[in-house]
Protein backbone atom coordinates (compact mmCIF):
# COMPACT_ATOMS: atom_id res chain seq x y z
CA MET A 1 94.86 83.68 112.54
CA MET A 2 96.45 86.50 114.77
CA GLN A 3 97.54 88.76 111.89
CA ILE A 4 94.09 89.13 110.94
CA LYS A 5 92.94 89.96 114.65
CA LEU A 6 95.46 92.57 114.79
CA SER A 7 94.56 94.42 111.55
CA THR A 8 91.55 94.03 112.37
CA GLN A 9 92.00 95.78 115.72
CA TYR A 10 93.79 98.60 113.74
CA ILE A 11 92.27 99.62 111.20
CA THR A 12 89.38 100.18 113.54
CA SER A 13 91.28 102.29 115.78
CA TRP A 14 92.38 104.10 113.07
CA ILE A 15 88.62 104.64 112.08
CA LEU A 16 87.35 105.40 115.30
CA GLY A 17 90.30 107.80 115.77
CA LEU A 18 88.92 109.94 112.76
CA LEU A 19 85.34 109.84 113.81
CA VAL A 20 86.25 111.26 117.02
CA PHE A 21 88.45 113.90 116.03
CA THR A 22 85.78 114.28 112.85
CA ILE A 23 83.57 115.25 116.18
CA GLY A 24 85.76 117.20 117.97
CA LEU A 25 86.45 119.30 114.89
CA LEU A 26 82.50 119.66 114.56
CA ASN A 27 82.12 120.68 117.83
CA LEU A 28 85.30 122.98 117.83
CA ILE A 29 83.98 124.47 114.50
CA LEU A 30 80.02 124.65 115.14
CA ILE A 31 79.80 124.93 118.73
CA HIS A 32 81.83 125.51 121.23
CA PRO A 33 86.07 125.27 121.43
CA VAL A 34 86.03 123.36 124.79
CA PRO A 35 84.31 120.09 123.66
CA GLY A 36 85.92 120.28 120.74
CA ILE A 37 89.21 120.26 122.45
CA VAL A 38 88.04 117.72 124.13
CA GLY A 39 87.41 115.34 121.01
CA LEU A 40 90.38 116.40 119.64
CA VAL A 41 92.37 115.22 122.71
CA LEU A 42 90.30 112.27 122.95
CA SER A 43 91.14 111.51 119.20
CA LEU A 44 94.72 110.49 120.26
CA LEU A 45 93.69 107.84 122.16
CA PHE A 46 92.63 106.02 119.20
CA VAL A 47 95.39 106.07 116.90
CA PRO A 48 97.65 103.45 116.91
CA PRO A 49 100.98 105.52 116.86
CA VAL A 50 99.84 107.18 120.27
CA ASN A 51 99.03 103.74 121.52
CA ASP A 52 102.91 102.78 120.98
CA PHE A 53 104.41 105.97 121.95
CA LEU A 54 102.37 105.12 125.57
CA LYS A 55 103.45 101.62 125.50
CA ASN A 56 107.50 102.79 125.04
CA LYS A 57 107.50 105.67 127.40
CA LEU A 58 105.31 105.32 129.63
CA GLY A 59 104.92 101.20 130.31
CA PHE A 60 101.19 100.73 129.04
CA THR A 61 98.54 100.85 126.35
CA ILE A 62 94.59 101.18 126.62
CA PRO A 63 93.04 98.02 125.66
CA PHE A 64 91.02 97.96 122.96
CA ALA A 65 88.29 97.01 124.77
CA VAL A 66 88.10 100.39 126.88
CA LYS A 67 88.56 102.32 123.10
CA ILE A 68 84.79 100.36 122.20
CA VAL A 69 83.53 101.78 125.27
CA LEU A 70 85.03 105.02 125.15
CA ALA A 71 84.20 105.69 121.44
CA LEU A 72 80.46 104.45 121.95
CA PHE A 73 79.96 106.94 125.06
CA ILE A 74 81.62 109.57 122.95
CA PHE A 75 79.15 108.86 120.13
CA TRP A 76 76.37 108.82 122.37
CA PHE A 77 77.23 111.69 124.61
CA THR A 78 77.73 114.02 121.10
CA LEU A 79 74.85 112.88 119.19
CA GLY A 80 72.33 112.30 122.20
CA ILE A 81 72.95 115.04 124.87
CA SER A 82 75.24 117.17 122.88
CA ASP A 83 74.06 120.47 121.11
CA LEU A 84 76.08 119.18 118.09
CA GLY A 85 73.38 115.99 117.98
CA ASP A 86 70.52 119.20 117.53
CA VAL A 87 72.62 120.96 114.71
CA ILE A 88 73.23 117.58 113.05
CA ASP A 89 69.42 116.72 113.73
CA GLY A 90 68.15 120.31 112.34
CA TRP A 91 70.29 120.10 108.82
CA LEU A 92 68.66 116.69 108.56
CA ARG A 93 65.32 117.90 108.52
């Protein structure tokens, strides 16, 4: 049972990392370099190899619940407040 939980967290972390990376890349290309670079750097916090690096080298990890909250905040900010949300809305119309 524990193996399934770790596997689910592992896969979810990779998916969230890829989604945040995509948002950062779209911001970098379509909007402005600053939010794009911030998004790209934040996407690193989600991927398991970086989490392993933080654990081995610095002695701490980012809890999975914090990753979920951070991802929700990034999605809310990007799609609700930032200019990228407006660009995406324009494409859908």
